[in-house]
Protein backbone atom coordinates (compact mmCIF):
# COMPACT_ATOMS: atom_id res chain seq x y z
CA MET A 1 -58.78 45.34 -1.16
CA PHE A 2 -57.71 48.75 0.15
CA ASP A 3 -55.06 51.30 -0.76
CA GLU A 4 -52.27 51.98 1.75
CA LYS A 5 -53.83 55.21 3.01
CA THR A 6 -57.12 53.50 3.82
CA ALA A 7 -55.38 50.49 5.38
CA LYS A 8 -53.24 52.74 7.57
CA ALA A 9 -56.26 54.69 8.78
CA ALA A 10 -58.07 51.41 9.53
CA ARG A 11 -55.14 50.12 11.60
CA GLU A 12 -54.95 53.32 13.62
CA ALA A 13 -58.71 53.35 14.24
CA ARG A 14 -58.62 49.70 15.29
CA GLU A 15 -55.83 50.35 17.79
CA ARG A 16 -57.78 53.23 19.37
CA TYR A 17 -60.92 51.14 19.51
CA GLU A 18 -59.19 48.18 21.20
CA ALA A 19 -57.57 50.45 23.78
CA GLU A 20 -60.82 52.24 24.60
CA VAL A 21 -62.82 49.03 24.92
CA ALA A 22 -60.19 47.49 27.17
CA ALA A 23 -60.21 50.60 29.37
CA GLU A 24 -64.01 50.44 29.75
CA GLY A 25 -63.77 46.89 31.11
CA ARG A 26 -67.41 46.09 30.30
CA GLU A 27 -66.86 42.94 28.25
CA GLN A 28 -67.86 39.55 29.64
CA PRO A 29 -64.95 37.13 30.20
CA GLY A 30 -66.11 34.70 27.51
CA PRO A 31 -64.71 32.50 26.09
CA PHE A 32 -65.76 33.81 22.69
CA ILE A 33 -65.14 30.77 20.52
CA THR A 34 -66.71 28.94 17.62
CA THR A 35 -68.25 25.48 17.84
CA SER A 36 -64.77 24.23 16.86
CA SER A 37 -63.17 26.15 19.78
CA MET A 38 -61.60 28.70 17.44
CA PRO A 39 -61.18 32.07 19.24
CA ILE A 40 -63.11 34.98 17.74
CA ASP A 41 -61.89 38.58 17.71
CA ARG A 42 -63.92 41.35 19.29
CA VAL A 43 -64.50 42.99 15.92
CA TYR A 44 -63.49 42.49 12.30
CA ASP A 45 -62.63 45.33 9.97
CA ALA A 46 -60.48 46.28 6.99
CA THR A 47 -57.32 45.22 8.83
CA ASN A 48 -58.49 41.60 8.79
CA VAL A 49 -58.80 41.49 5.00
CA ALA A 50 -55.86 43.70 4.08
CA LYS A 51 -54.20 40.90 2.09
CA LEU A 52 -57.38 39.84 0.32
CA ASP A 53 -57.10 40.16 -3.45
CA TYR A 54 -60.55 40.61 -4.97
CA GLU A 55 -59.86 38.98 -8.32
CA ARG A 56 -57.69 36.17 -6.94
CA ASP A 57 -59.69 35.32 -3.81
CA LEU A 58 -63.28 36.45 -4.44
CA ALA A 59 -64.35 37.52 -7.92
CA LEU A 60 -68.02 37.25 -8.88
CA PRO A 61 -70.35 34.29 -8.35
CA GLY A 62 -69.82 31.60 -10.95
CA ALA A 63 -66.26 32.78 -11.63
CA TYR A 64 -63.00 31.13 -10.58
CA PRO A 65 -62.17 30.42 -7.75
CA PHE A 66 -65.92 30.17 -6.98
CA THR A 67 -65.63 31.44 -3.40
CA ARG A 68 -68.97 33.17 -3.94
CA GLY A 69 -70.73 30.16 -5.48
CA VAL A 70 -70.62 27.88 -8.49
CA HIS A 71 -73.60 29.48 -10.27
CA ARG A 72 -73.69 33.04 -11.59
CA THR A 73 -77.27 33.58 -10.48
CA GLY A 74 -77.28 31.59 -7.25
CA TYR A 75 -80.78 30.52 -6.26
CA ARG A 76 -82.49 33.11 -8.47
CA ALA A 77 -82.39 30.67 -11.38
CA LYS A 78 -82.85 27.40 -9.48
CA PRO A 79 -83.25 26.86 -5.74
CA TRP A 80 -81.32 24.16 -3.95
CA THR A 81 -82.75 20.64 -4.09
CA ILE A 82 -84.74 19.62 -1.03
CA ARG A 83 -83.36 16.11 -0.56
CA MET A 84 -84.60 14.45 2.62
CA PHE A 85 -82.62 11.42 3.83
CA ALA A 86 -85.00 8.57 4.63
CA GLY A 87 -85.17 4.84 5.02
CA PHE A 88 -86.44 2.39 7.63
CA GLY A 89 -87.87 -1.08 7.95
CA SER A 90 -89.00 -2.83 4.80
CA ALA A 91 -88.87 -1.62 1.21
CA GLU A 92 -92.66 -1.19 1.32
CA GLU A 93 -92.54 1.15 4.33
CA THR A 94 -89.75 3.26 2.91
CA ASN A 95 -91.45 3.47 -0.48
CA ALA A 96 -94.53 4.88 1.27
CA ARG A 97 -92.35 7.48 3.05
CA TYR A 98 -90.74 8.49 -0.27
CA ARG A 99 -94.10 9.05 -1.91
CA TYR A 100 -95.16 11.08 1.14
CA LEU A 101 -92.03 13.24 0.88
CA ILE A 102 -92.53 13.85 -2.84
CA GLU A 103 -96.15 14.78 -2.22
CA HIS A 104 -95.05 17.42 0.31
CA GLY A 105 -92.34 19.05 -1.77
CA ASP A 106 -89.26 16.81 -1.79
CA ASP A 107 -87.29 17.34 -5.02
CA GLY A 108 -84.88 14.42 -4.74
CA LEU A 109 -84.70 11.16 -2.82
CA SER A 110 -81.90 10.14 -0.45
CA VAL A 111 -81.78 6.50 0.63
CA ALA A 112 -80.69 5.35 4.09
CA PHE A 113 -79.83 1.64 4.32
CA ASP A 114 -79.85 -0.52 7.42
CA MET A 115 -76.70 -1.98 8.99
CA PRO A 116 -76.77 -5.45 7.40
CA THR A 117 -77.08 -3.83 3.97
CA LEU A 118 -74.29 -1.35 4.78
CA MET A 119 -72.03 -4.21 5.84
CA GLY A 120 -72.87 -6.48 2.90
CA TYR A 121 -74.91 -9.19 4.61
CA ASP A 122 -78.21 -10.72 3.62
CA HIS A 123 -80.84 -10.45 6.33
CA ASP A 124 -81.00 -14.18 6.99
CA GLU A 125 -77.30 -14.32 7.89
CA PRO A 126 -76.38 -14.52 11.60
CA GLU A 127 -74.59 -11.17 11.47
CA ALA A 128 -77.89 -9.45 10.59
CA PHE A 129 -79.83 -10.72 13.59
CA GLY A 130 -81.74 -7.95 15.39
CA GLU A 131 -80.71 -5.22 12.93
CA PHE A 132 -83.47 -5.38 10.33
CA GLY A 133 -84.54 -1.91 9.21
CA ARG A 134 -83.36 -0.12 12.36
CA CYS A 135 -81.24 2.64 10.82
CA GLY A 136 -82.42 2.40 7.23
CA VAL A 137 -84.18 0.24 4.68
CA ALA A 138 -83.31 -3.44 4.23
CA ILE A 139 -82.16 -4.37 0.71
CA ASP A 140 -81.00 -7.84 -0.29
CA SER A 141 -81.73 -8.08 -4.00
CA LEU A 142 -83.30 -6.46 -7.03
CA ALA A 143 -86.66 -7.71 -5.77
CA ASP A 144 -86.39 -5.28 -2.83
CA MET A 145 -85.07 -2.45 -5.00
CA GLU A 146 -88.04 -2.77 -7.36
CA ILE A 147 -90.44 -2.33 -4.43
CA LEU A 148 -88.40 0.53 -2.96
CA PHE A 149 -88.89 2.60 -6.12
CA ASP A 150 -92.34 1.36 -7.11
CA GLN A 151 -94.44 4.20 -8.64
CA ILE A 152 -91.42 6.54 -8.47
CA PRO A 153 -90.31 7.58 -11.98
CA LEU A 154 -86.53 7.22 -11.91
CA ASP A 155 -86.20 9.15 -15.18
CA LYS A 156 -87.72 12.24 -13.53
CA ILE A 157 -86.33 12.35 -9.98
CA SER A 158 -82.73 12.29 -8.80
CA THR A 159 -81.71 9.77 -6.19
CA SER A 160 -78.87 9.78 -3.68
CA MET A 161 -77.80 6.59 -1.93
CA THR A 162 -75.75 6.56 1.28
CA ILE A 163 -73.83 3.33 0.83
CA ASN A 164 -70.09 2.69 0.88
CA SER A 165 -68.48 -0.75 1.05
CA PRO A 166 -71.27 -2.43 -0.99
CA ALA A 167 -71.84 0.77 -3.02
CA ALA A 168 -71.10 -0.81 -6.39
CA VAL A 169 -73.53 -3.67 -5.64
CA ILE A 170 -76.39 -1.44 -4.53
CA TRP A 171 -75.79 0.92 -7.47
CA ALA A 172 -75.99 -2.03 -9.88
CA MET A 173 -79.33 -3.02 -8.36
CA PHE A 174 -80.59 0.55 -8.72
CA ILE A 175 -79.52 0.59 -12.37
CA ALA A 176 -81.26 -2.73 -12.95
CA ALA A 177 -84.45 -1.46 -11.26
CA ALA A 178 -84.45 1.60 -13.52
CA GLU A 179 -83.91 -0.56 -16.60
CA LYS A 180 -86.86 -2.71 -15.57
CA GLN A 181 -88.89 0.54 -15.50
CA GLY A 182 -87.73 1.11 -19.08
CA VAL A 183 -85.33 3.92 -18.13
CA ASP A 184 -82.00 4.06 -19.95
CA ARG A 185 -79.08 4.20 -17.51
CA SER A 186 -77.53 7.13 -19.38
CA THR A 187 -80.43 9.35 -18.30
CA LEU A 188 -80.32 8.51 -14.58
CA ARG A 189 -79.54 11.41 -12.24
CA GLY A 190 -78.29 11.04 -8.73
CA THR A 191 -75.36 10.40 -6.43
CA LEU A 192 -73.67 7.37 -4.92
CA GLN A 193 -71.92 8.18 -1.65
CA ASN A 194 -69.25 5.53 -2.27
CA ASP A 195 -66.68 7.34 -0.08
CA ILE A 196 -64.73 4.50 1.49
CA LEU A 197 -61.85 6.62 2.81
CA LYS A 198 -64.03 8.42 5.35
CA GLU A 199 -65.16 5.00 6.60
CA TYR A 200 -61.59 4.19 7.66
CA ILE A 201 -61.28 7.70 9.13
CA ALA A 202 -64.55 8.09 11.04
CA GLN A 203 -67.49 5.78 10.42
CA ASN A 204 -65.91 2.29 10.45
CA GLU A 205 -68.45 0.72 8.08
CA TYR A 206 -65.87 -0.87 5.81
CA ILE A 207 -65.42 -4.50 4.80
CA TYR A 208 -62.32 -4.92 2.65
CA PRO A 209 -58.75 -3.60 2.92
CA PRO A 210 -58.20 -0.04 1.63
CA GLU A 211 -56.45 -0.94 -1.63
CA GLU A 212 -59.19 -3.37 -2.71
CA SER A 213 -61.93 -0.98 -1.62
CA MET A 214 -60.36 1.86 -3.59
CA ARG A 215 -60.25 -0.36 -6.67
CA LEU A 216 -64.03 -0.78 -6.47
CA VAL A 217 -64.52 2.97 -6.07
CA VAL A 218 -62.44 3.70 -9.16
CA ASP A 219 -64.43 1.05 -11.08
CA THR A 220 -67.61 3.03 -10.34
CA ILE A 221 -65.98 6.36 -11.26
CA GLU A 222 -64.78 4.94 -14.57
CA TYR A 223 -68.13 3.32 -15.34
CA ALA A 224 -70.11 6.47 -14.57
CA SER A 225 -67.83 8.67 -16.65
CA ARG A 226 -68.39 6.46 -19.70
CA GLU A 227 -71.91 5.07 -19.25
CA MET A 228 -73.85 7.47 -17.00
CA PRO A 229 -72.95 11.10 -17.71
CA GLU A 230 -75.66 12.54 -15.41
CA TRP A 231 -74.60 10.52 -12.37
CA ASN A 232 -72.26 11.53 -9.54
CA SER A 233 -70.32 8.35 -8.87
CA ILE A 234 -69.00 9.53 -5.51
CA SER A 235 -70.03 11.96 -2.79
CA ILE A 236 -66.88 12.76 -0.84
CA SER A 237 -68.23 13.10 2.64
CA GLY A 238 -67.19 15.27 5.55
CA TYR A 239 -70.50 14.76 7.29
CA HIS A 240 -69.49 11.63 9.20
CA ILE A 241 -66.08 13.08 10.03
CA ARG A 242 -67.83 16.00 11.73
CA GLU A 243 -70.34 13.73 13.45
CA ALA A 244 -67.40 11.80 14.91
CA GLY A 245 -66.26 14.98 16.67
CA SER A 246 -63.97 16.85 14.29
CA THR A 247 -63.70 20.60 14.06
CA ALA A 248 -65.06 22.43 11.03
CA ALA A 249 -61.54 22.92 9.67
CA GLN A 250 -60.70 19.24 10.16
CA GLU A 251 -63.87 18.26 8.35
CA LEU A 252 -62.87 20.55 5.49
CA ALA A 253 -59.25 19.38 5.32
CA PHE A 254 -59.83 15.66 5.68
CA THR A 255 -62.70 15.67 3.17
CA LEU A 256 -60.73 17.54 0.54
CA ALA A 257 -57.65 15.40 1.16
CA ASN A 258 -59.82 12.34 0.48
CA GLY A 259 -61.13 13.99 -2.69
CA ILE A 260 -57.57 14.58 -3.89
CA GLU A 261 -56.76 10.93 -3.19
CA TYR A 262 -59.68 9.77 -5.36
CA VAL A 263 -58.46 12.06 -8.14
CA LYS A 264 -54.99 10.51 -7.92
CA TRP A 265 -56.42 7.00 -8.18
CA GLY A 266 -58.57 8.00 -11.16
CA LEU A 267 -55.54 9.38 -12.94
CA GLU A 268 -53.54 6.24 -12.16
CA ARG A 269 -56.35 4.20 -13.76
CA GLY A 270 -55.66 6.16 -16.94
CA LEU A 271 -58.67 8.46 -16.84
CA ASP A 272 -58.30 12.04 -18.00
CA ILE A 273 -58.97 14.55 -15.22
CA ASP A 274 -61.69 16.26 -17.24
CA GLU A 275 -63.29 12.88 -17.95
CA PHE A 276 -64.36 12.33 -14.36
CA ALA A 277 -63.74 15.43 -12.21
CA PRO A 278 -66.94 17.25 -13.30
CA ARG A 279 -69.04 14.49 -11.69
CA LEU A 280 -67.25 14.41 -8.34
CA SER A 281 -69.50 15.77 -5.60
CA PHE A 282 -69.19 16.51 -1.89
CA PHE A 283 -71.28 16.19 1.25
CA PHE A 284 -70.80 18.43 4.28
CA ASN A 285 -72.16 18.75 7.78
CA CYS A 286 -73.61 22.06 8.93
CA HIS A 287 -73.23 22.59 12.67
CA ASN A 288 -74.43 25.32 15.01
CA ASP A 289 -71.85 28.08 14.48
CA PHE A 290 -73.44 30.14 11.73
CA PHE A 291 -70.41 32.05 10.43
CA GLU A 292 -67.89 29.24 10.90
CA GLU A 293 -69.97 26.99 8.67
CA ILE A 294 -70.43 29.64 5.98
CA GLY A 295 -66.69 30.30 5.96
CA LYS A 296 -66.06 26.55 5.65
CA PHE A 297 -68.28 26.21 2.59
CA ARG A 298 -66.79 29.23 0.84
CA ALA A 299 -63.23 28.07 1.55
CA ALA A 300 -64.05 24.57 0.28
CA ARG A 301 -64.99 25.87 -3.17
CA ARG A 302 -61.91 28.05 -3.43
CA ILE A 303 -59.46 25.34 -2.33
CA TRP A 304 -60.97 22.69 -4.59
CA ALA A 305 -60.98 24.96 -7.63
CA ARG A 306 -57.30 25.78 -7.14
CA GLN A 307 -56.37 22.14 -6.61
CA MET A 308 -58.18 21.04 -9.77
CA ARG A 309 -56.87 23.80 -12.03
CA GLU A 310 -53.43 24.56 -10.64
CA ARG A 311 -52.35 21.18 -9.23
CA PHE A 312 -54.02 18.69 -11.56
CA GLY A 313 -54.22 20.83 -14.68
CA ALA A 314 -57.94 20.39 -15.36
CA LYS A 315 -58.97 22.41 -18.41
CA ASN A 316 -62.75 22.07 -18.27
CA PRO A 317 -64.21 24.77 -15.97
CA ARG A 318 -66.75 22.23 -14.73
CA SER A 319 -63.86 20.23 -13.29
CA TRP A 320 -63.03 23.20 -11.05
CA LEU A 321 -66.49 23.36 -9.49
CA MET A 322 -67.20 21.97 -6.06
CA ARG A 323 -70.85 20.96 -5.91
CA PHE A 324 -72.03 19.77 -2.52
CA HIS A 325 -74.96 18.50 -0.51
CA THR A 326 -75.45 19.65 3.08
CA GLN A 327 -77.11 17.95 6.03
CA THR A 328 -77.78 19.65 9.32
CA ALA A 329 -75.79 18.27 12.25
CA GLY A 330 -77.31 15.15 13.73
CA VAL A 331 -74.79 15.26 16.55
CA SER A 332 -76.16 18.65 17.65
CA LEU A 333 -79.64 17.26 18.31
CA THR A 334 -80.58 16.76 21.96
CA SER A 335 -83.03 14.39 23.59
CA GLN A 336 -83.59 17.02 26.28
CA GLN A 337 -86.26 19.56 25.23
CA PRO A 338 -86.23 18.10 21.69
CA GLU A 339 -88.46 20.86 20.31
CA VAL A 340 -85.43 23.17 20.56
CA ASN A 341 -83.88 21.06 17.80
CA LEU A 342 -86.20 22.84 15.37
CA ILE A 343 -84.37 26.09 16.16
CA ARG A 344 -80.93 24.52 15.84
CA THR A 345 -81.85 22.95 12.52
CA THR A 346 -83.22 26.23 11.16
CA ILE A 347 -79.99 28.08 11.95
CA GLN A 348 -77.94 25.28 10.39
CA ALA A 349 -80.10 25.14 7.27
CA LEU A 350 -79.85 28.91 6.81
CA ALA A 351 -76.05 28.68 7.08
CA GLY A 352 -76.04 25.94 4.44
CA VAL A 353 -78.07 28.11 2.09
CA LEU A 354 -75.96 31.23 2.68
CA GLY A 355 -72.90 29.03 2.15
CA GLY A 356 -74.19 28.11 -1.31
CA THR A 357 -75.20 24.45 -1.02
CA GLN A 358 -76.70 22.65 -4.05
CA SER A 359 -78.99 20.39 -2.02
CA LEU A 360 -80.04 20.21 1.59
CA HIS A 361 -81.40 17.76 4.15
CA THR A 362 -82.84 19.13 7.37
CA ASN A 363 -82.88 16.74 10.33
CA SER A 364 -86.14 16.21 12.16
CA TRP A 365 -86.56 17.47 15.71
CA ASP A 366 -87.27 14.00 17.14
CA GLU A 367 -84.26 12.16 15.69
CA ALA A 368 -82.30 12.12 18.95
CA LEU A 369 -85.01 9.79 20.24
CA ALA A 370 -86.25 7.74 17.30
CA LEU A 371 -86.69 7.52 13.56
CA PRO A 372 -88.60 10.66 12.53
CA SER A 373 -92.36 10.69 12.43
CA GLU A 374 -94.22 11.97 9.37
CA LYS A 375 -95.11 15.23 11.10
CA ALA A 376 -91.50 15.81 12.15
CA VAL A 377 -90.27 15.17 8.60
CA ARG A 378 -92.89 17.55 7.22
CA LEU A 379 -91.74 20.30 9.62
CA ALA A 380 -88.13 19.67 8.57
CA MET A 381 -89.12 20.21 4.94
CA ARG A 382 -91.18 23.26 5.82
CA THR A 383 -88.05 24.75 7.41
CA GLN A 384 -86.35 24.74 4.02
CA GLN A 385 -89.46 26.03 2.26
CA VAL A 386 -89.77 28.99 4.65
CA ILE A 387 -86.11 29.84 4.10
CA GLU A 388 -86.60 29.66 0.34
CA HIS A 389 -89.88 31.54 0.04
CA GLU A 390 -90.08 33.86 3.06
CA SER A 391 -86.61 34.77 4.36
CA GLY A 392 -85.39 36.80 1.39
CA VAL A 393 -81.92 35.20 1.40
CA VAL A 394 -82.37 33.84 -2.13
CA ASN A 395 -82.87 37.29 -3.65
CA THR A 396 -79.17 38.04 -4.11
CA VAL A 397 -76.15 35.82 -4.68
CA ASP A 398 -73.72 35.36 -1.77
CA PRO A 399 -75.28 38.11 0.37
CA LEU A 400 -72.54 37.83 3.00
CA GLY A 401 -69.71 38.22 0.50
CA GLY A 402 -67.42 41.09 1.49
CA SER A 403 -68.26 40.86 5.19
CA PHE A 404 -65.05 41.43 7.11
CA PHE A 405 -65.90 38.57 9.46
CA VAL A 406 -67.02 36.11 6.80
CA GLU A 407 -64.02 36.76 4.56
CA SER A 408 -61.67 36.43 7.54
CA MET A 409 -63.32 33.16 8.55
CA THR A 410 -63.05 31.90 4.96
CA ASP A 411 -59.34 32.73 4.89
CA GLU A 412 -58.74 31.08 8.26
CA MET A 413 -60.49 27.90 7.14
CA GLU A 414 -58.30 27.80 4.04
CA ARG A 415 -55.13 28.41 6.06
CA ILE A 416 -55.81 25.55 8.49
CA CYS A 417 -56.88 23.24 5.65
CA LEU A 418 -53.64 23.78 3.74
CA GLN A 419 -51.63 23.16 6.91
CA TYR A 420 -53.38 19.81 7.27
CA PHE A 421 -52.62 19.00 3.63
CA ASP A 422 -48.92 19.45 4.42
CA ARG A 423 -49.13 17.24 7.50
CA ILE A 424 -50.89 14.49 5.56
CA GLU A 425 -48.30 14.64 2.78
CA ASP A 426 -45.51 14.44 5.37
CA LEU A 427 -47.05 11.15 6.57
CA GLY A 428 -46.96 9.78 3.03
CA GLY A 429 -50.52 10.57 1.92
CA VAL A 430 -54.04 9.63 2.93
CA LEU A 431 -53.69 5.84 3.10
CA PRO A 432 -50.47 5.89 5.19
CA ALA A 433 -52.06 8.54 7.44
CA ILE A 434 -55.04 6.21 7.95
CA GLU A 435 -52.71 3.30 8.76
CA GLN A 436 -50.91 5.48 11.34
CA GLY A 437 -54.19 6.53 12.98
CA PHE A 438 -53.59 10.21 12.26
CA PHE A 439 -57.13 11.20 11.32
CA MET A 440 -58.76 9.25 14.12
CA SER A 441 -56.41 10.73 16.71
CA GLU A 442 -57.02 14.31 15.53
CA ILE A 443 -60.79 13.82 15.62
CA ALA A 444 -60.68 12.20 19.06
CA ASP A 445 -58.68 15.10 20.45
CA ALA A 446 -61.13 17.65 19.05
CA ALA A 447 -64.13 15.73 20.41
CA GLN A 448 -62.52 15.60 23.85
CA VAL A 449 -61.98 19.37 23.88
CA TYR A 450 -65.61 20.01 22.91
CA GLN A 451 -66.97 17.66 25.57
CA ARG A 452 -64.73 19.15 28.26
CA GLU A 453 -65.97 22.64 27.42
CA ILE A 454 -69.56 21.47 27.91
CA GLU A 455 -68.79 19.72 31.19
CA GLN A 456 -66.92 22.76 32.53
CA HIS A 457 -69.73 25.05 31.38
CA GLU A 458 -67.43 27.00 29.06
CA ARG A 459 -69.95 26.17 26.34
CA VAL A 460 -73.72 26.32 26.86
CA ILE A 461 -75.95 23.69 25.26
CA VAL A 462 -79.50 24.82 25.85
CA GLY A 463 -81.48 22.26 27.81
CA VAL A 464 -78.43 20.11 28.51
CA ASN A 465 -76.09 22.06 30.79
CA ASP A 466 -78.19 25.24 31.15
CA TYR A 467 -81.88 26.21 31.00
CA VAL A 468 -82.62 22.66 32.11
CA LEU A 469 -86.18 21.45 32.65
CA ASP A 470 -87.34 18.39 34.55
CA GLU A 471 -90.32 17.30 32.49
CA ALA A 472 -91.58 14.11 30.97
CA LEU A 473 -91.21 13.73 27.21
CA ASP A 474 -94.41 13.28 25.24
CA ILE A 475 -93.63 12.83 21.57
CA PRO A 476 -94.99 10.33 19.03
CA ILE A 477 -92.51 7.55 18.27
CA LEU A 478 -92.44 6.02 14.80
CA GLU A 479 -93.06 2.29 14.96
CA MET A 480 -92.14 -0.06 12.15
CA ASP A 481 -94.49 -2.67 10.74
CA PRO A 482 -94.00 -5.71 13.02
CA ASP A 483 -94.57 -8.00 10.03
CA GLY A 484 -92.04 -6.20 7.82
CA GLU A 485 -89.07 -8.43 8.64
CA ALA A 486 -91.00 -11.68 8.11
CA ARG A 487 -92.32 -10.36 4.79
CA HIS A 488 -88.82 -9.34 3.74
CA LEU A 489 -87.28 -12.71 4.65
CA GLU A 490 -90.02 -14.55 2.80
CA ARG A 491 -89.31 -12.42 -0.29
CA LEU A 492 -85.59 -13.24 0.00
CA ARG A 493 -86.35 -16.97 0.26
CA ARG A 494 -88.75 -16.77 -2.69
CA THR A 495 -86.27 -14.80 -4.80
CA ARG A 496 -83.56 -17.41 -4.34
CA LYS A 497 -86.03 -20.20 -5.13
CA THR A 498 -87.68 -18.71 -8.23
CA ARG A 499 -84.78 -16.90 -9.94
CA ASP A 500 -83.04 -18.46 -12.95
CA ALA A 501 -80.47 -20.47 -11.00
CA ALA A 502 -78.22 -21.05 -14.01
CA ARG A 503 -78.16 -17.35 -14.88
CA ALA A 504 -77.40 -16.39 -11.26
CA ALA A 505 -74.59 -18.94 -11.00
CA ARG A 506 -73.12 -17.81 -14.32
CA ALA A 507 -73.30 -14.16 -13.26
CA MET A 508 -71.52 -14.88 -9.97
CA SER A 509 -68.84 -16.92 -11.73
CA GLU A 510 -68.16 -14.17 -14.27
CA LEU A 511 -68.12 -11.51 -11.55
CA GLU A 512 -65.55 -13.48 -9.53
CA ARG A 513 -63.39 -14.00 -12.63
CA ALA A 514 -63.54 -10.29 -13.52
CA THR A 515 -62.65 -9.40 -9.92
CA LYS A 516 -59.58 -11.63 -9.96
CA ASP A 517 -58.54 -10.50 -13.46
CA GLY A 518 -58.68 -6.81 -12.53
CA GLU A 519 -61.49 -5.91 -14.95
CA ASN A 520 -64.01 -3.19 -14.17
CA VAL A 521 -66.64 -5.10 -12.21
CA MET A 522 -69.60 -2.81 -12.91
CA PRO A 523 -70.94 -4.50 -16.09
CA TYR A 524 -70.78 -7.85 -14.30
CA LEU A 525 -72.53 -6.43 -11.23
CA VAL A 526 -75.40 -5.10 -13.35
CA GLU A 527 -75.84 -8.55 -14.87
CA ALA A 528 -75.69 -10.14 -11.39
CA ALA A 529 -78.36 -7.69 -10.22
CA HIS A 530 -80.64 -8.60 -13.14
CA ALA A 531 -80.05 -12.26 -12.24
CA TYR A 532 -81.30 -11.50 -8.69
CA CYS A 533 -78.01 -12.34 -7.01
CA THR A 534 -78.04 -10.95 -3.48
CA VAL A 535 -75.95 -8.38 -1.65
CA GLY A 536 -74.64 -11.06 0.71
CA GLU A 537 -73.72 -13.47 -2.07
CA ILE A 538 -71.68 -10.83 -3.88
CA CYS A 539 -70.04 -9.27 -0.81
CA ASN A 540 -69.19 -12.65 0.69
CA MET A 541 -67.51 -13.63 -2.58
CA TRP A 542 -65.40 -10.46 -2.30
CA ARG A 543 -64.65 -11.31 1.34
CA ARG A 544 -63.09 -14.55 0.07
CA VAL A 545 -61.18 -12.82 -2.74
CA PHE A 546 -60.13 -9.59 -1.02
CA GLY A 547 -60.09 -10.55 2.66
CA GLU A 548 -61.56 -8.39 5.42
CA GLN A 549 -60.04 -5.31 7.05
CA PRO A 550 -59.73 -5.32 10.85
CA VAL A 551 -61.19 -2.42 12.81
CA TYR A 552 -58.77 0.42 13.51
CA VAL A 553 -58.51 1.69 17.07
CA ALA A 554 -57.21 5.24 17.62
CA ILE A 555 -54.63 5.36 20.39
C-alpha cells in the first residue's frame, strides 16, 4: 500500500507518538477490547496495513476477492432486503403477521417454526406437549402450509425458512403449497436454512446421525441446482454459533469450515462445483462491537472467494461470491431497561449494512421478554428504513474501505479464521471435530470468558452491571390465540381423515424405499406433501431407518 519511504516515516512517527502518549500517562487503564475480548491498539495507521496488497486483498467492489462487497454498485442499485424473522402460534396468526409486515415495508418473509416442527414431531405426539407455537409457527402438513401463505403471492416474494433436521420435508410442503397456488417451482425465490452441521456444533436441534443428515442436505442441494435455479438450498449459519457464546472469529471460522464441508459432500455426490456453489448462502450474527463485525463480514467474503477459486477450482465468478443474511444479536438483548435494546439493535444493523449484507433482520426491543408485539416489530423495521433513507451510508460503496482500523480488523479476522481451519484439518475435518467436541469446547470457553468479564466489571453492559435502575417493567406482551392449538389439532385430525389414504400410504412407501435405496428423496417428498403426509409421519419413518443421534455434551 505504501512505498518504503512512506512506510519508514510512518513507523518513526508511530514510535514517537507511542512514547509521548505513554509519558503523558492520561489514558484510562481499560481494558480496551472487542466484544470477543480481542485487544485493540491505541491507534491504527499505515504501519498496520504495510503488508496489504491493494489488488490482491482489496480491489474494487464487485471484483475478486470481494472484500469490498459482491456488487459493483452496493446499495445504490438495490438496497438490502428487509427480511423480518417471524412465526408464532397457529398458521392463521402467523399469516396475519406476515401480511402486516408486508404492508409496512417487509421485502421478504422469514419463517420461524416451533419446537415440535423443528424436531420432526406432529403436534398430537407426546413429545410436543406444551410446546405448540411458543417459539415459532406450528406446521404438521400441507394443510397448515397453505394457510400460512394464504393471500401471499409466492411467485412475487422471496421466503426464507429456518428449519434444519426436517428441512427437506418442510421445503417439500412449501413447494407443494406454491404449486397449489399455480406457481412453478422453478420460479420460486428464497432460502432454506438446512444447515445441520451447526446444529451439532451449537444449537442441538438435530434428529439423525451426521452422515444420514448430511445425505439429506446434499439431496436438497442437488435438487435445487437442477429443479429450482432461483432457490438457495442452504444458508450456512454462524448466527447460532455466536448466540451460543462464540467469538466473532470463531463464528467466522466455524461457519466457513461448515461451508467447505458441504462443498466437499456436493463434489463427492458428483456435482460440479459451478453447478451448486452459486446458490450457497450464509447467515451471520451481528453483535455490539461495530468495527469487529464489519471486519468479520469483509474477511468472510475474501476467504470464501479464495477457497472457491483457488482451492476448489470454481470457474464461474458467481461461485466465488459470498452472499449473506444478517440478524442482529438476540443474545445481546436485555430484559433490564429493554428500551435500550433499540439502541443496540440500531448499532448492529448499521454494522451489518456497512459490512455489505444482502438482507437484514432487526430484532425487536421486547424479545428478551416475549414474542415481539406488532409495535415492536414495526419499530425494528423502521430502524432499517431510517438507515436506508436517512443515514447516508448507502450513497457510496464500502465507505469504510481503506480505514487503517477496519482493514487491520479484516486481516486479523482472516488470520484467526485460517488458523482454525488448520486446527480443524488436524482433527480430521469437521465431522471428526464434532465427534471430539472441539467446536463445543471452544465456544464454551469463549462464553465463559465473556461472562467473567461482565461479572468482574471489566465489561459494561448498560442496565445490567452498570447504570442500573430499579423500576417495574410496563410493556405490552404478545398473547397467542388461546383457541389456536385446538384449531390446529382439529385440522390435523381432519387432514388425516379426509386425505386420499391410498395415495398417502403409497407416497410413504415410495419415500421409504427411495431412502433405503439411496435415491434423492426430494421428488418423493414433494409427492408425500401433496398427499398430505405429515411432518411426524415422515420424520418418524426416518427415525426407524436412520436411527437417532444422542445429544453431545461438551466436556
